[in-house]
C-alpha atoms as a PDB file:
ATOM      1  CA  MET A   1     121.914 121.763  94.107  1.00  0.00           C
ATOM      2  CA  ASN A   2     118.623 122.406  95.855  1.00  0.00           C
ATOM      3  CA  PRO A   3     116.984 119.111  97.016  1.00  0.00           C
ATOM      4  CA  VAL A   4     113.557 120.409  95.999  1.00  0.00           C
ATOM      5  CA  SER A   5     114.825 120.937  92.461  1.00  0.00           C
ATOM      6  CA  LEU A   6     116.298 117.449  92.452  1.00  0.00           C
ATOM      7  CA  PHE A   7     113.020 115.921  93.677  1.00  0.00           C
ATOM      8  CA  PHE A   8     111.017 117.820  91.070  1.00  0.00           C
ATOM      9  CA  LEU A   9     113.443 117.021  88.242  1.00  0.00           C
ATOM     10  CA  ALA A  10     113.384 113.337  89.196  1.00  0.00           C
ATOM     11  CA  SER A  11     109.581 113.357  89.253  1.00  0.00           C
ATOM     12  CA  PHE A  12     109.370 115.202  85.946  1.00  0.00           C
ATOM     13  CA  LEU A  13     111.701 112.762  84.201  1.00  0.00           C
ATOM     14  CA  ALA A  14     109.982 109.746  85.757  1.00  0.00           C
ATOM     15  CA  VAL A  15     106.453 110.851  84.869  1.00  0.00           C
ATOM     16  CA  PHE A  16     107.141 111.891  81.299  1.00  0.00           C
ATOM     17  CA  GLY A  17     109.402 108.908  80.643  1.00  0.00           C
ATOM     18  CA  GLY A  18     106.888 106.547  82.234  1.00  0.00           C
ATOM     19  CA  VAL A  19     103.964 107.998  80.284  1.00  0.00           C
ATOM     20  CA  PHE A  20     105.990 107.727  77.068  1.00  0.00           C
ATOM     21  CA  CYS A  21     106.733 104.039  77.745  1.00  0.00           C
ATOM     22  CA  TYR A  22     103.115 103.386  78.692  1.00  0.00           C
ATOM     23  CA  LYS A  23     101.756 105.019  75.547  1.00  0.00           C
ATOM     24  CA  ARG A  24     104.179 102.959  73.447  1.00  0.00           C
ATOM     25  CA  LEU A  25     102.855  99.824  75.153  1.00  0.00           C
ATOM     26  CA  MET A  26      99.267 100.855  74.441  1.00  0.00           C
ATOM     27  CA  LYS A  27     100.138 101.555  70.798  1.00  0.00           C
ATOM     28  CA  ARG A  28     101.716  98.100  70.436  1.00  0.00           C
ATOM     29  CA  LEU A  29      98.655  96.482  72.029  1.00  0.00           C
ATOM     30  CA  GLU A  30      96.412  98.526  69.749  1.00  0.00           C
ATOM     31  CA  ASN A  31      98.317  97.193  66.729  1.00  0.00           C
ATOM     32  CA  ARG A  32      97.953  93.633  68.056  1.00  0.00           C
ATOM     33  CA  ILE A  33      94.208  94.113  68.438  1.00  0.00           C
ATOM     34  CA  GLY A  34      94.059  95.399  64.856  1.00  0.00           C
ATOM     35  CA  GLN A  35      95.890  92.278  63.699  1.00  0.00           C
ATOM     36  CA  GLY A  36      93.613  90.097  65.829  1.00  0.00           C
ATOM     37  CA  ASP A  37      96.421  88.272  67.629  1.00  0.00           C
ATOM     38  CA  LEU A  38      96.229  89.697  71.160  1.00  0.00           C
ATOM     39  CA  THR A  39      96.452  86.721  73.497  1.00  0.00           C
ATOM     40  CA  ALA A  40      97.453  86.392  77.130  1.00  0.00           C
ATOM     41  CA  GLU A  41     100.934  85.292  76.068  1.00  0.00           C
ATOM     42  CA  VAL A  42     101.370  88.281  73.759  1.00  0.00           C
ATOM     43  CA  LEU A  43     100.123  90.605  76.491  1.00  0.00           C
ATOM     44  CA  GLN A  44     102.577  89.097  78.949  1.00  0.00           C
ATOM     45  CA  LYS A  45     105.454  89.517  76.485  1.00  0.00           C
ATOM     46  CA  GLU A  46     104.530  93.148  75.789  1.00  0.00           C
ATOM     47  CA  GLN A  47     104.107  93.841  79.494  1.00  0.00           C
ATOM     48  CA  THR A  48     107.544  92.393  80.254  1.00  0.00           C
ATOM     49  CA  SER A  49     109.053  94.605  77.567  1.00  0.00           C
ATOM     50  CA  TYR A  50     107.264  97.610  79.111  1.00  0.00           C
ATOM     51  CA  PHE A  51     108.630  96.868  82.579  1.00  0.00           C
ATOM     52  CA  ILE A  52     112.177  96.579  81.237  1.00  0.00           C
ATOM     53  CA  GLN A  53     111.872  99.878  79.362  1.00  0.00           C
ATOM     54  CA  PHE A  54     110.330 101.551  82.388  1.00  0.00           C
ATOM     55  CA  SER A  55     113.103 100.344  84.676  1.00  0.00           C
ATOM     56  CA  LEU A  56     115.691 101.831  82.309  1.00  0.00           C
ATOM     57  CA  VAL A  57     113.817 105.148  82.286  1.00  0.00           C
ATOM     58  CA  GLU A  58     113.742 105.204  86.100  1.00  0.00           C
ATOM     59  CA  VAL A  59     117.520 104.935  86.613  1.00  0.00           C
ATOM     60  CA  ILE A  60     118.268 108.664  86.404  1.00  0.00           C
ATOM     61  CA  PRO A  61     115.256 109.732  88.537  1.00  0.00           C
ATOM     62  CA  ILE A  62     116.263 107.246  91.236  1.00  0.00           C
ATOM     63  CA  LEU A  63     119.796 108.650  91.272  1.00  0.00           C
ATOM     64  CA  LEU A  64     118.391 112.188  91.528  1.00  0.00           C
ATOM     65  CA  ILE A  65     116.149 111.151  94.441  1.00  0.00           C
ATOM     66  CA  ILE A  66     119.124 109.627  96.253  1.00  0.00           C
ATOM     67  CA  LEU A  67     121.134 112.798  95.665  1.00  0.00           C
ATOM     68  CA  GLY A  68     118.215 114.882  96.950  1.00  0.00           C
ATOM     69  CA  PHE A  69     117.953 112.832 100.136  1.00  0.00           C
ATOM     70  CA  THR A  70     121.691 113.179 100.767  1.00  0.00           C
ATOM     71  CA  GLN A  71     121.397 116.974 100.568  1.00  0.00           C
ATOM     72  CA  LEU A  72     118.342 117.306 102.824  1.00  0.00           C
ATOM     73  CA  GLU A  73     120.293 118.048 105.994  1.00  0.00           C
ATOM     74  CA  SER A  74     122.346 120.899 104.573  1.00  0.00           C
ATOM     75  CA  TYR A  75     119.492 122.880 103.050  1.00  0.00           C
ATOM     76  CA  VAL A  76     116.992 125.240 104.694  1.00  0.00           C
ATOM     77  CA  LEU A  77     113.673 125.423 102.882  1.00  0.00           C
ATOM     78  CA  SER A  78     110.908 128.003 103.142  1.00  0.00           C
ATOM     79  CA  THR A  79     107.266 127.030 103.491  1.00  0.00           C
ATOM     80  CA  THR A  80     106.397 128.798 100.239  1.00  0.00           C
ATOM     81  CA  THR A  81     108.916 126.734  98.313  1.00  0.00           C
ATOM     82  CA  GLN A  82     107.531 123.545  99.843  1.00  0.00           C
ATOM     83  CA  ILE A  83     103.971 124.461  98.893  1.00  0.00           C
ATOM     84  CA  VAL A  84     104.904 125.378  95.321  1.00  0.00           C
ATOM     85  CA  ALA A  85     106.862 122.142  94.933  1.00  0.00           C
ATOM     86  CA  LEU A  86     103.968 120.133  96.374  1.00  0.00           C
ATOM     87  CA  VAL A  87     101.493 121.729  93.964  1.00  0.00           C
ATOM     88  CA  LEU A  88     103.799 121.027  91.011  1.00  0.00           C
ATOM     89  CA  LEU A  89     104.276 117.411  92.095  1.00  0.00           C
ATOM     90  CA  LEU A  90     100.515 116.935  92.480  1.00  0.00           C
ATOM     91  CA  ALA A  91     100.050 118.420  88.992  1.00  0.00           C
ATOM     92  CA  LEU A  92     102.535 115.868  87.620  1.00  0.00           C
ATOM     93  CA  ILE A  93     100.648 113.067  89.361  1.00  0.00           C
ATOM     94  CA  GLY A  94      97.362 114.329  87.918  1.00  0.00           C
ATOM     95  CA  PHE A  95      98.876 114.555  84.445  1.00  0.00           C
ATOM     96  CA  ALA A  96     100.126 110.971  84.635  1.00  0.00           C
ATOM     97  CA  ILE A  97      96.766 109.660  85.849  1.00  0.00           C
ATOM     98  CA  LEU A  98      94.879 111.450  83.067  1.00  0.00           C
ATOM     99  CA  GLN A  99      97.268 110.176  80.394  1.00  0.00           C
ATOM    100  CA  VAL A 100      97.010 106.566  81.555  1.00  0.00           C
ATOM    101  CA  ILE A 101      93.220 106.684  81.917  1.00  0.00           C
ATOM    102  CA  GLY A 102      92.903 108.196  78.432  1.00  0.00           C
ATOM    103  CA  SER A 103      95.066 105.467  76.920  1.00  0.00           C
ATOM    104  CA  VAL A 104      93.151 102.723  78.733  1.00  0.00           C
ATOM    105  CA  LYS A 105      89.776 104.094  77.607  1.00  0.00           C
ATOM    106  CA  GLN A 106      90.927 104.285  74.008  1.00  0.00           C
ATOM    107  CA  LEU A 107      92.217 100.708  74.059  1.00  0.00           C
ATOM    108  CA  ASN A 108      89.099  99.464  75.862  1.00  0.00           C
ATOM    109  CA  GLN A 109      86.913 100.868  73.076  1.00  0.00           C
ATOM    110  CA  GLN A 110      88.890  98.949  70.485  1.00  0.00           C
ATOM    111  CA  MET A 111      88.752  95.786  72.568  1.00  0.00           C
ATOM    112  CA  LYS A 112      84.983  96.087  72.968  1.00  0.00           C
ATOM    113  CA  GLN A 113      84.617  96.499  69.211  1.00  0.00           C
ATOM    114  CA  ALA A 114      86.700  93.343  68.769  1.00  0.00           C
ATOM    115  CA  LYS A 115      84.570  91.629  71.474  1.00  0.00           C
ATOM    116  CA  MET A 116      87.560  91.006  73.738  1.00  0.00           C
ATOM    117  CA  ASP A 117      87.746  91.005  77.530  1.00  0.00           C
ATOM    118  CA  THR A 118      88.989  94.322  78.936  1.00  0.00           C
ATOM    119  CA  THR A 119      89.882  93.274  82.496  1.00  0.00           C
ATOM    120  CA  LEU A 120      93.564  92.708  81.706  1.00  0.00           C
ATOM    121  CA  ILE A 121      93.856  96.174  80.205  1.00  0.00           C
ATOM    122  CA  GLN A 122      92.093  97.706  83.217  1.00  0.00           C
ATOM    123  CA  SER A 123      94.576  95.973  85.518  1.00  0.00           C
ATOM    124  CA  LEU A 124      97.459  97.141  83.352  1.00  0.00           C
ATOM    125  CA  GLY A 125      96.098 100.679  83.651  1.00  0.00           C
ATOM    126  CA  TYR A 126      96.116 100.531  87.448  1.00  0.00           C
ATOM    127  CA  VAL A 127      99.641  99.127  87.446  1.00  0.00           C
ATOM    128  CA  GLY A 128     100.721 101.905  85.083  1.00  0.00           C
ATOM    129  CA  ILE A 129      99.258 104.605  87.326  1.00  0.00           C
ATOM    130  CA  PHE A 130     100.965 103.246  90.404  1.00  0.00           C
ATOM    131  CA  ILE A 131     104.426 102.696  88.964  1.00  0.00           C
ATOM    132  CA  ILE A 132     104.512 105.949  86.994  1.00  0.00           C
ATOM    133  CA  ASN A 133     103.603 107.905  90.126  1.00  0.00           C
ATOM    134  CA  SER A 134     106.036 106.120  92.436  1.00  0.00           C
ATOM    135  CA  ILE A 135     108.840 108.687  92.088  1.00  0.00           C
ATOM    136  CA  PRO A 136     106.535 111.711  92.607  1.00  0.00           C
ATOM    137  CA  VAL A 137     105.162 110.082  95.770  1.00  0.00           C
ATOM    138  CA  ILE A 138     108.706 109.508  97.027  1.00  0.00           C
ATOM    139  CA  SER A 139     109.447 113.160  96.227  1.00  0.00           C
ATOM    140  CA  ILE A 140     106.450 114.279  98.278  1.00  0.00           C
ATOM    141  CA  ILE A 141     107.727 112.179 101.164  1.00  0.00           C
ATOM    142  CA  GLY A 142     111.147 113.791 100.746  1.00  0.00           C
ATOM    143  CA  LEU A 143     109.567 117.249 100.861  1.00  0.00           C
ATOM    144  CA  SER A 144     107.726 116.382 104.050  1.00  0.00           C
ATOM    145  CA  LEU A 145     111.046 115.581 105.753  1.00  0.00           C
ATOM    146  CA  PHE A 146     112.145 119.231 105.666  1.00  0.00           C
END
């Protein structure tokens, strides 16, 4: 199979799976805020659960990335294909960033209404952006090796 297709498929699965896990985390935290029992310990427990779920989601994309790197040498790629793939990968990255920022803003509004500190949620948002976009960044690096 084409390595570019493998890189894009891995990125697609990683971004949408990661955003799904992140939104589930935000929904659980939103429910905890509604119940009034969001503490640092609860946040840590929910965050640990999120990281475990995210690592399970990333298994298939990581295997696809490895397969793509093994097929790099045997494939000749045109510049047009590289540019299209790069634009699609950047669109995936932008989508992930917008989804995470939207979720963080929504949760921050609820936390401000409940008079809670929002710094932990902001930090969780940055972590979410970086780990969700890790596979697309690796895919961009793989594309640059052609």
